[in-house]
Amino acid sequence: MSFIYLIPVAVFLLFQITFLGTYIAAVLQGHVVPTVPYISDAATYSPESCVFAQLINMGSILLGITIYIRYRQIQQLYSHHPDLGSLLLVYNKIAFWFGLASCLGISIVGNFQETNVRIVHFTGAFCCFGSGTVYFWLQALITYMAYPIASTKLYAHIRLGMSICCTILFILIAVTGVMSHILFKGENPRQWYPSDGGWYFHVISSISEWIMSTIFCFYILTFTEEFRDVRLDHPELTLISYSITITD
């Protein structure tokens, strides 16, 4: 029996536990105010940052495995049903690389804190959310193309709806995030109060980030049912024998 379908479940649980656990720990440590900080703000200071980075790295690897399995699944589907059209392979390959770029962005966000290397952190966040959103759009399109052989209209509609939501939220995060930092007059963005300026923009941006991250996790979870029909064999290992001639 294949347990491949449990990998998206593991990704979902690991990221959700990481986000919520880091937030609770940061609030209890007094490192952030409880009124909706950014996820990465809650993981800025140790010991939360250390645990967050470790779990995010594990989650990135599992997510990368999920993306690879989905890529191979669509490849196999096309090999059995070439009538689906060669564009399916093109979209599948593009989606694969955007998915891996999103994984890299997640890892960068987890390991490069905003307070230490701001540019790298924001680049990782843009790569994570931007590439992830493109990946979701492509997967929604692939799901429609694979119907009714390997998916359902319901999953296609759900993924399309999630892609639309992620696009809107990504724009909100970017615009209100920039506005909030322009208007911020306080000393520590991790301790952001209404009197510091840009408060409402900050709240909109941080809430949008939390919602978008949750949608990301649920999107990956939608692969669970389709992965029930997938079996991943061990890779072949070939031992090349050779001889060594010793001369005096």
C-alpha atoms as a PDB file:
ATOM      1  CA  MET A   1       0.000   0.000   0.000  1.00  0.00           C
ATOM      2  CA  SER A   2       1.342   3.460  -0.938  1.00  0.00           C
ATOM      3  CA  PHE A   3       1.519   6.189   1.662  1.00  0.00           C
ATOM      4  CA  ILE A   4       2.425   8.927  -0.809  1.00  0.00           C
ATOM      5  CA  TYR A   5      -0.890  10.642  -0.154  1.00  0.00           C
ATOM      6  CA  LEU A   6       0.226  11.393   3.410  1.00  0.00           C
ATOM      7  CA  ILE A   7       3.023  13.722   2.269  1.00  0.00           C
ATOM      8  CA  PRO A   8       0.681  16.668   1.494  1.00  0.00           C
ATOM      9  CA  VAL A   9      -0.962  16.057   4.874  1.00  0.00           C
ATOM     10  CA  ALA A  10       2.453  16.206   6.551  1.00  0.00           C
ATOM     11  CA  VAL A  11       3.233  19.475   4.737  1.00  0.00           C
ATOM     12  CA  PHE A  12      -0.070  20.976   5.855  1.00  0.00           C
ATOM     13  CA  LEU A  13       0.350  19.962   9.498  1.00  0.00           C
ATOM     14  CA  LEU A  14       4.024  20.913   9.736  1.00  0.00           C
ATOM     15  CA  PHE A  15       3.553  24.433   8.393  1.00  0.00           C
ATOM     16  CA  GLN A  16       0.424  25.112  10.438  1.00  0.00           C
ATOM     17  CA  ILE A  17       2.039  23.883  13.659  1.00  0.00           C
ATOM     18  CA  THR A  18       5.179  25.903  12.877  1.00  0.00           C
ATOM     19  CA  PHE A  19       3.283  29.148  12.247  1.00  0.00           C
ATOM     20  CA  LEU A  20       0.973  28.901  15.242  1.00  0.00           C
ATOM     21  CA  GLY A  21       3.626  27.514  17.596  1.00  0.00           C
ATOM     22  CA  THR A  22       6.091  30.263  16.710  1.00  0.00           C
ATOM     23  CA  TYR A  23       3.438  32.941  17.177  1.00  0.00           C
ATOM     24  CA  ILE A  24       2.428  31.628  20.607  1.00  0.00           C
ATOM     25  CA  ALA A  25       6.066  31.315  21.721  1.00  0.00           C
ATOM     26  CA  ALA A  26       6.914  34.834  20.526  1.00  0.00           C
ATOM     27  CA  VAL A  27       3.908  36.338  22.327  1.00  0.00           C
ATOM     28  CA  LEU A  28       4.731  34.483  25.559  1.00  0.00           C
ATOM     29  CA  GLN A  29       8.357  35.657  25.309  1.00  0.00           C
ATOM     30  CA  GLY A  30       7.188  39.247  24.811  1.00  0.00           C
ATOM     31  CA  HIS A  31       9.005  39.513  21.481  1.00  0.00           C
ATOM     32  CA  VAL A  32       5.889  40.607  19.553  1.00  0.00           C
ATOM     33  CA  VAL A  33       2.546  42.151  20.400  1.00  0.00           C
ATOM     34  CA  PRO A  34      -0.348  39.663  20.098  1.00  0.00           C
ATOM     35  CA  THR A  35      -2.295  41.844  17.639  1.00  0.00           C
ATOM     36  CA  VAL A  36      -1.504  40.005  14.406  1.00  0.00           C
ATOM     37  CA  PRO A  37       2.248  40.338  13.729  1.00  0.00           C
ATOM     38  CA  TYR A  38       3.775  39.081  10.513  1.00  0.00           C
ATOM     39  CA  ILE A  39       4.655  35.386  10.615  1.00  0.00           C
ATOM     40  CA  SER A  40       8.325  36.213  10.098  1.00  0.00           C
ATOM     41  CA  ASP A  41       8.199  38.877  12.847  1.00  0.00           C
ATOM     42  CA  ALA A  42       7.185  36.187  15.314  1.00  0.00           C
ATOM     43  CA  ALA A  43      10.252  34.214  14.226  1.00  0.00           C
ATOM     44  CA  THR A  44      12.776  37.041  14.438  1.00  0.00           C
ATOM     45  CA  TYR A  45      14.320  36.456  17.852  1.00  0.00           C
ATOM     46  CA  SER A  46      15.757  33.300  19.404  1.00  0.00           C
ATOM     47  CA  PRO A  47      14.808  30.744  20.531  1.00  0.00           C
ATOM     48  CA  GLU A  48      11.759  30.980  18.236  1.00  0.00           C
ATOM     49  CA  SER A  49      13.872  31.816  15.185  1.00  0.00           C
ATOM     50  CA  CYS A  50      16.004  28.693  15.621  1.00  0.00           C
ATOM     51  CA  VAL A  51      13.060  26.320  15.898  1.00  0.00           C
ATOM     52  CA  PHE A  52      11.200  28.140  13.121  1.00  0.00           C
ATOM     53  CA  ALA A  53      14.137  27.874  10.709  1.00  0.00           C
ATOM     54  CA  GLN A  54      14.604  24.168  11.404  1.00  0.00           C
ATOM     55  CA  LEU A  55      10.932  23.326  10.893  1.00  0.00           C
ATOM     56  CA  ILE A  56      10.650  25.548   7.821  1.00  0.00           C
ATOM     57  CA  ASN A  57      13.612  23.763   6.230  1.00  0.00           C
ATOM     58  CA  MET A  58      11.939  20.410   6.870  1.00  0.00           C
ATOM     59  CA  GLY A  59       8.676  21.737   5.461  1.00  0.00           C
ATOM     60  CA  SER A  60      10.432  23.102   2.365  1.00  0.00           C
ATOM     61  CA  ILE A  61      11.932  19.688   1.636  1.00  0.00           C
ATOM     62  CA  LEU A  62       8.581  17.930   2.050  1.00  0.00           C
ATOM     63  CA  LEU A  63       6.927  20.562  -0.126  1.00  0.00           C
ATOM     64  CA  GLY A  64       9.581  20.072  -2.777  1.00  0.00           C
ATOM     65  CA  ILE A  65       8.931  16.323  -2.712  1.00  0.00           C
ATOM     66  CA  THR A  66       5.202  16.996  -3.091  1.00  0.00           C
ATOM     67  CA  ILE A  67       5.828  19.252  -6.083  1.00  0.00           C
ATOM     68  CA  TYR A  68       8.096  16.639  -7.664  1.00  0.00           C
ATOM     69  CA  ILE A  69       5.525  13.863  -7.196  1.00  0.00           C
ATOM     70  CA  ARG A  70       2.837  16.051  -8.768  1.00  0.00           C
ATOM     71  CA  TYR A  71       5.176  16.756 -11.676  1.00  0.00           C
ATOM     72  CA  ARG A  72       5.863  13.053 -12.252  1.00  0.00           C
ATOM     73  CA  GLN A  73       2.174  12.227 -11.854  1.00  0.00           C
ATOM     74  CA  ILE A  74       1.213  14.554 -14.710  1.00  0.00           C
ATOM     75  CA  GLN A  75       4.070  13.193 -16.813  1.00  0.00           C
ATOM     76  CA  GLN A  76       2.793   9.651 -16.343  1.00  0.00           C
ATOM     77  CA  LEU A  77      -0.757  10.770 -17.055  1.00  0.00           C
ATOM     78  CA  TYR A  78       0.315  12.236 -20.400  1.00  0.00           C
ATOM     79  CA  SER A  79       2.285   9.114 -21.332  1.00  0.00           C
ATOM     80  CA  HIS A  80      -0.928   7.085 -20.998  1.00  0.00           C
ATOM     81  CA  HIS A  81      -3.217   9.767 -22.474  1.00  0.00           C
ATOM     82  CA  PRO A  82      -1.307  11.772 -25.117  1.00  0.00           C
ATOM     83  CA  ASP A  83      -4.649  13.024 -26.420  1.00  0.00           C
ATOM     84  CA  LEU A  84      -4.633  15.494 -23.497  1.00  0.00           C
ATOM     85  CA  GLY A  85      -2.306  17.651 -25.575  1.00  0.00           C
ATOM     86  CA  SER A  86       1.385  18.495 -25.462  1.00  0.00           C
ATOM     87  CA  LEU A  87       0.615  21.804 -23.734  1.00  0.00           C
ATOM     88  CA  LEU A  88      -0.044  19.787 -20.599  1.00  0.00           C
ATOM     89  CA  LEU A  89       3.650  18.844 -20.467  1.00  0.00           C
ATOM     90  CA  VAL A  90       4.711  22.438 -21.055  1.00  0.00           C
ATOM     91  CA  TYR A  91       2.540  23.778 -18.241  1.00  0.00           C
ATOM     92  CA  ASN A  92       3.634  20.924 -16.009  1.00  0.00           C
ATOM     93  CA  LYS A  93       7.330  21.704 -16.492  1.00  0.00           C
ATOM     94  CA  ILE A  94       6.844  25.438 -15.924  1.00  0.00           C
ATOM     95  CA  ALA A  95       4.786  24.733 -12.804  1.00  0.00           C
ATOM     96  CA  PHE A  96       7.513  22.440 -11.490  1.00  0.00           C
ATOM     97  CA  TRP A  97      10.176  25.146 -11.617  1.00  0.00           C
ATOM     98  CA  PHE A  98       7.912  27.809 -10.134  1.00  0.00           C
ATOM     99  CA  GLY A  99       7.045  25.371  -7.343  1.00  0.00           C
ATOM    100  CA  LEU A 100      10.704  24.754  -6.548  1.00  0.00           C
ATOM    101  CA  ALA A 101      11.349  28.513  -6.594  1.00  0.00           C
ATOM    102  CA  SER A 102       8.587  28.911  -4.008  1.00  0.00           C
ATOM    103  CA  CYS A 103      10.231  26.229  -1.831  1.00  0.00           C
ATOM    104  CA  LEU A 104      13.531  28.092  -2.035  1.00  0.00           C
ATOM    105  CA  GLY A 105      11.777  31.318  -1.069  1.00  0.00           C
ATOM    106  CA  ILE A 106      10.204  29.670   1.987  1.00  0.00           C
ATOM    107  CA  SER A 107      13.602  28.409   3.119  1.00  0.00           C
ATOM    108  CA  ILE A 108      15.172  31.851   2.633  1.00  0.00           C
ATOM    109  CA  VAL A 109      12.436  33.520   4.685  1.00  0.00           C
ATOM    110  CA  GLY A 110      12.958  31.036   7.503  1.00  0.00           C
ATOM    111  CA  ASN A 111      16.739  31.359   7.630  1.00  0.00           C
ATOM    112  CA  PHE A 112      17.325  35.051   6.897  1.00  0.00           C
ATOM    113  CA  GLN A 113      15.492  37.173   9.462  1.00  0.00           C
ATOM    114  CA  GLU A 114      14.226  40.615   8.516  1.00  0.00           C
ATOM    115  CA  THR A 115      16.239  42.244  11.313  1.00  0.00           C
ATOM    116  CA  ASN A 116      19.524  40.767  10.029  1.00  0.00           C
ATOM    117  CA  VAL A 117      19.347  40.757   6.218  1.00  0.00           C
ATOM    118  CA  ARG A 118      16.261  42.681   5.140  1.00  0.00           C
ATOM    119  CA  ILE A 119      16.831  42.556   1.370  1.00  0.00           C
ATOM    120  CA  VAL A 120      17.414  38.790   1.329  1.00  0.00           C
ATOM    121  CA  HIS A 121      14.395  38.208   3.566  1.00  0.00           C
ATOM    122  CA  PHE A 122      12.057  40.269   1.380  1.00  0.00           C
ATOM    123  CA  THR A 123      13.445  38.639  -1.762  1.00  0.00           C
ATOM    124  CA  GLY A 124      12.663  35.237  -0.259  1.00  0.00           C
ATOM    125  CA  ALA A 125       9.146  36.343   0.696  1.00  0.00           C
ATOM    126  CA  PHE A 126       8.483  37.658  -2.820  1.00  0.00           C
ATOM    127  CA  CYS A 127       9.840  34.436  -4.309  1.00  0.00           C
ATOM    128  CA  CYS A 128       7.729  32.334  -1.924  1.00  0.00           C
ATOM    129  CA  PHE A 129       4.400  34.083  -2.393  1.00  0.00           C
ATOM    130  CA  GLY A 130       4.893  35.222  -5.999  1.00  0.00           C
ATOM    131  CA  SER A 131       6.197  31.943  -7.419  1.00  0.00           C
ATOM    132  CA  GLY A 132       3.740  30.005  -5.262  1.00  0.00           C
ATOM    133  CA  THR A 133       0.812  31.946  -6.705  1.00  0.00           C
ATOM    134  CA  VAL A 134       1.979  31.294 -10.279  1.00  0.00           C
ATOM    135  CA  TYR A 135       2.357  27.602  -9.395  1.00  0.00           C
ATOM    136  CA  PHE A 136      -1.230  27.515  -8.119  1.00  0.00           C
ATOM    137  CA  TRP A 137      -2.588  29.111 -11.300  1.00  0.00           C
ATOM    138  CA  LEU A 138      -0.748  26.580 -13.423  1.00  0.00           C
ATOM    139  CA  GLN A 139      -1.940  23.666 -11.287  1.00  0.00           C
ATOM    140  CA  ALA A 140      -5.521  24.894 -11.579  1.00  0.00           C
ATOM    141  CA  LEU A 141      -5.116  24.986 -15.355  1.00  0.00           C
ATOM    142  CA  ILE A 142      -3.536  21.516 -15.361  1.00  0.00           C
ATOM    143  CA  THR A 143      -6.412  20.188 -13.258  1.00  0.00           C
ATOM    144  CA  TYR A 144      -8.945  21.447 -15.807  1.00  0.00           C
ATOM    145  CA  MET A 145      -6.924  19.882 -18.623  1.00  0.00           C
ATOM    146  CA  ALA A 146      -6.644  16.542 -16.787  1.00  0.00           C
ATOM    147  CA  TYR A 147     -10.400  16.341 -16.136  1.00  0.00           C
ATOM    148  CA  PRO A 148     -12.101  13.861 -16.132  1.00  0.00           C
ATOM    149  CA  ILE A 149      -9.252  11.331 -16.335  1.00  0.00           C
ATOM    150  CA  ALA A 150      -7.249  12.259 -13.251  1.00  0.00           C
ATOM    151  CA  SER A 151      -9.284  14.849 -11.360  1.00  0.00           C
ATOM    152  CA  THR A 152     -12.713  16.330 -10.820  1.00  0.00           C
ATOM    153  CA  LYS A 153     -14.342  19.609 -11.753  1.00  0.00           C
ATOM    154  CA  LEU A 154     -14.765  20.329  -8.026  1.00  0.00           C
ATOM    155  CA  TYR A 155     -10.998  20.239  -7.395  1.00  0.00           C
ATOM    156  CA  ALA A 156     -10.407  22.362 -10.483  1.00  0.00           C
ATOM    157  CA  HIS A 157     -12.889  24.994  -9.270  1.00  0.00           C
ATOM    158  CA  ILE A 158     -11.451  24.939  -5.734  1.00  0.00           C
ATOM    159  CA  ARG A 159      -7.895  25.425  -7.011  1.00  0.00           C
ATOM    160  CA  LEU A 160      -8.999  28.214  -9.317  1.00  0.00           C
ATOM    161  CA  GLY A 161     -10.762  29.957  -6.433  1.00  0.00           C
ATOM    162  CA  MET A 162      -7.699  29.610  -4.214  1.00  0.00           C
ATOM    163  CA  SER A 163      -5.475  30.988  -6.987  1.00  0.00           C
ATOM    164  CA  ILE A 164      -7.698  34.058  -7.342  1.00  0.00           C
ATOM    165  CA  CYS A 165      -7.655  34.609  -3.567  1.00  0.00           C
ATOM    166  CA  CYS A 166      -3.869  34.263  -3.414  1.00  0.00           C
ATOM    167  CA  THR A 167      -3.434  36.794  -6.217  1.00  0.00           C
ATOM    168  CA  ILE A 168      -5.600  39.359  -4.442  1.00  0.00           C
ATOM    169  CA  LEU A 169      -3.907  38.722  -1.095  1.00  0.00           C
ATOM    170  CA  PHE A 170      -0.426  38.915  -2.626  1.00  0.00           C
ATOM    171  CA  ILE A 171      -1.211  42.384  -3.986  1.00  0.00           C
ATOM    172  CA  LEU A 172      -2.684  43.442  -0.631  1.00  0.00           C
ATOM    173  CA  ILE A 173       0.370  42.229   1.267  1.00  0.00           C
ATOM    174  CA  ALA A 174       2.743  44.098  -1.027  1.00  0.00           C
ATOM    175  CA  VAL A 175       0.836  47.406  -1.235  1.00  0.00           C
ATOM    176  CA  THR A 176      -0.274  47.733   2.392  1.00  0.00           C
ATOM    177  CA  GLY A 177       3.062  46.398   3.646  1.00  0.00           C
ATOM    178  CA  VAL A 178       4.981  49.133   1.843  1.00  0.00           C
ATOM    179  CA  MET A 179       2.483  51.793   2.980  1.00  0.00           C
ATOM    180  CA  SER A 180       2.657  50.682   6.602  1.00  0.00           C
ATOM    181  CA  HIS A 181       6.465  50.853   6.718  1.00  0.00           C
ATOM    182  CA  ILE A 182       6.449  54.287   5.088  1.00  0.00           C
ATOM    183  CA  LEU A 183       4.036  55.599   7.735  1.00  0.00           C
ATOM    184  CA  PHE A 184       5.667  53.763  10.667  1.00  0.00           C
ATOM    185  CA  LYS A 185       7.160  56.189  13.215  1.00  0.00           C
ATOM    186  CA  GLY A 186       7.930  53.776  16.038  1.00  0.00           C
ATOM    187  CA  GLU A 187      11.226  52.205  17.040  1.00  0.00           C
ATOM    188  CA  ASN A 188      10.533  48.471  16.709  1.00  0.00           C
ATOM    189  CA  PRO A 189       8.203  47.033  14.043  1.00  0.00           C
ATOM    190  CA  ARG A 190       7.920  43.849  16.139  1.00  0.00           C
ATOM    191  CA  GLN A 191       6.247  45.984  18.821  1.00  0.00           C
ATOM    192  CA  TRP A 192       3.824  47.824  16.531  1.00  0.00           C
ATOM    193  CA  TYR A 193       1.104  49.855  18.295  1.00  0.00           C
ATOM    194  CA  PRO A 194      -1.657  52.079  16.839  1.00  0.00           C
ATOM    195  CA  SER A 195       0.193  55.204  17.971  1.00  0.00           C
ATOM    196  CA  ASP A 196       3.240  54.261  15.863  1.00  0.00           C
ATOM    197  CA  GLY A 197       1.566  55.152  12.568  1.00  0.00           C
ATOM    198  CA  GLY A 198       0.577  52.965   9.621  1.00  0.00           C
ATOM    199  CA  TRP A 199      -1.280  50.677  12.015  1.00  0.00           C
ATOM    200  CA  TYR A 200      -4.270  49.870   9.837  1.00  0.00           C
ATOM    201  CA  PHE A 201      -2.114  49.174   6.791  1.00  0.00           C
ATOM    202  CA  HIS A 202       0.060  46.924   8.963  1.00  0.00           C
ATOM    203  CA  VAL A 203      -2.942  44.960  10.240  1.00  0.00           C
ATOM    204  CA  ILE A 204      -4.347  44.506   6.727  1.00  0.00           C
ATOM    205  CA  SER A 205      -0.960  43.346   5.431  1.00  0.00           C
ATOM    206  CA  SER A 206      -0.252  40.929   8.286  1.00  0.00           C
ATOM    207  CA  ILE A 207      -3.765  39.428   8.256  1.00  0.00           C
ATOM    208  CA  SER A 208      -3.481  38.982   4.487  1.00  0.00           C
ATOM    209  CA  GLU A 209      -0.175  37.164   4.996  1.00  0.00           C
ATOM    210  CA  TRP A 210      -1.692  34.786   7.557  1.00  0.00           C
ATOM    211  CA  ILE A 211      -4.691  34.057   5.321  1.00  0.00           C
ATOM    212  CA  MET A 212      -2.518  33.546   2.252  1.00  0.00           C
ATOM    213  CA  SER A 213      -0.177  31.196   4.114  1.00  0.00           C
ATOM    214  CA  THR A 214      -3.185  29.185   5.285  1.00  0.00           C
ATOM    215  CA  ILE A 215      -4.557  28.983   1.743  1.00  0.00           C
ATOM    216  CA  PHE A 216      -1.136  27.792   0.577  1.00  0.00           C
ATOM    217  CA  CYS A 217      -1.300  24.934   3.053  1.00  0.00           C
ATOM    218  CA  PHE A 218      -4.857  23.974   2.104  1.00  0.00           C
ATOM    219  CA  TYR A 219      -3.958  24.089  -1.603  1.00  0.00           C
ATOM    220  CA  ILE A 220      -1.205  21.528  -1.068  1.00  0.00           C
ATOM    221  CA  LEU A 221      -3.665  19.467   0.959  1.00  0.00           C
ATOM    222  CA  THR A 222      -5.928  19.179  -2.100  1.00  0.00           C
ATOM    223  CA  PHE A 223      -3.357  16.860  -3.712  1.00  0.00           C
ATOM    224  CA  THR A 224      -4.019  14.218  -1.058  1.00  0.00           C
ATOM    225  CA  GLU A 225      -6.843  12.422  -2.843  1.00  0.00           C
ATOM    226  CA  GLU A 226      -5.079  12.376  -6.207  1.00  0.00           C
ATOM    227  CA  PHE A 227      -1.893  11.009  -4.627  1.00  0.00           C
ATOM    228  CA  ARG A 228      -3.780   7.922  -3.427  1.00  0.00           C
ATOM    229  CA  ASP A 229      -3.326   6.486  -6.916  1.00  0.00           C
ATOM    230  CA  VAL A 230       0.411   7.198  -6.969  1.00  0.00           C
ATOM    231  CA  ARG A 231       3.177   4.768  -6.104  1.00  0.00           C
ATOM    232  CA  LEU A 232       6.792   5.860  -5.924  1.00  0.00           C
ATOM    233  CA  ASP A 233       9.382   3.113  -6.423  1.00  0.00           C
ATOM    234  CA  HIS A 234      12.916   3.167  -5.093  1.00  0.00           C
ATOM    235  CA  PRO A 235      15.381   4.665  -7.591  1.00  0.00           C
ATOM    236  CA  GLU A 236      17.576   2.176  -9.393  1.00  0.00           C
ATOM    237  CA  LEU A 237      21.179   1.945  -8.243  1.00  0.00           C
ATOM    238  CA  THR A 238      23.725   0.598 -10.704  1.00  0.00           C
ATOM    239  CA  LEU A 239      27.104  -0.546  -9.459  1.00  0.00           C
ATOM    240  CA  ILE A 240      29.777  -0.125 -12.100  1.00  0.00           C
ATOM    241  CA  SER A 241      32.444  -2.757 -11.568  1.00  0.00           C
ATOM    242  CA  TYR A 242      35.993  -2.016 -12.524  1.00  0.00           C
ATOM    243  CA  SER A 243      39.384  -3.531 -12.021  1.00  0.00           C
ATOM    244  CA  ILE A 244      42.623  -1.941 -10.919  1.00  0.00           C
ATOM    245  CA  THR A 245      45.884  -3.087 -12.435  1.00  0.00           C
ATOM    246  CA  ILE A 246      48.906  -2.687 -10.242  1.00  0.00           C
ATOM    247  CA  THR A 247      52.293  -2.651 -11.939  1.00  0.00           C
ATOM    248  CA  ASP A 248      55.659  -2.885 -10.284  1.00  0.00           C
END
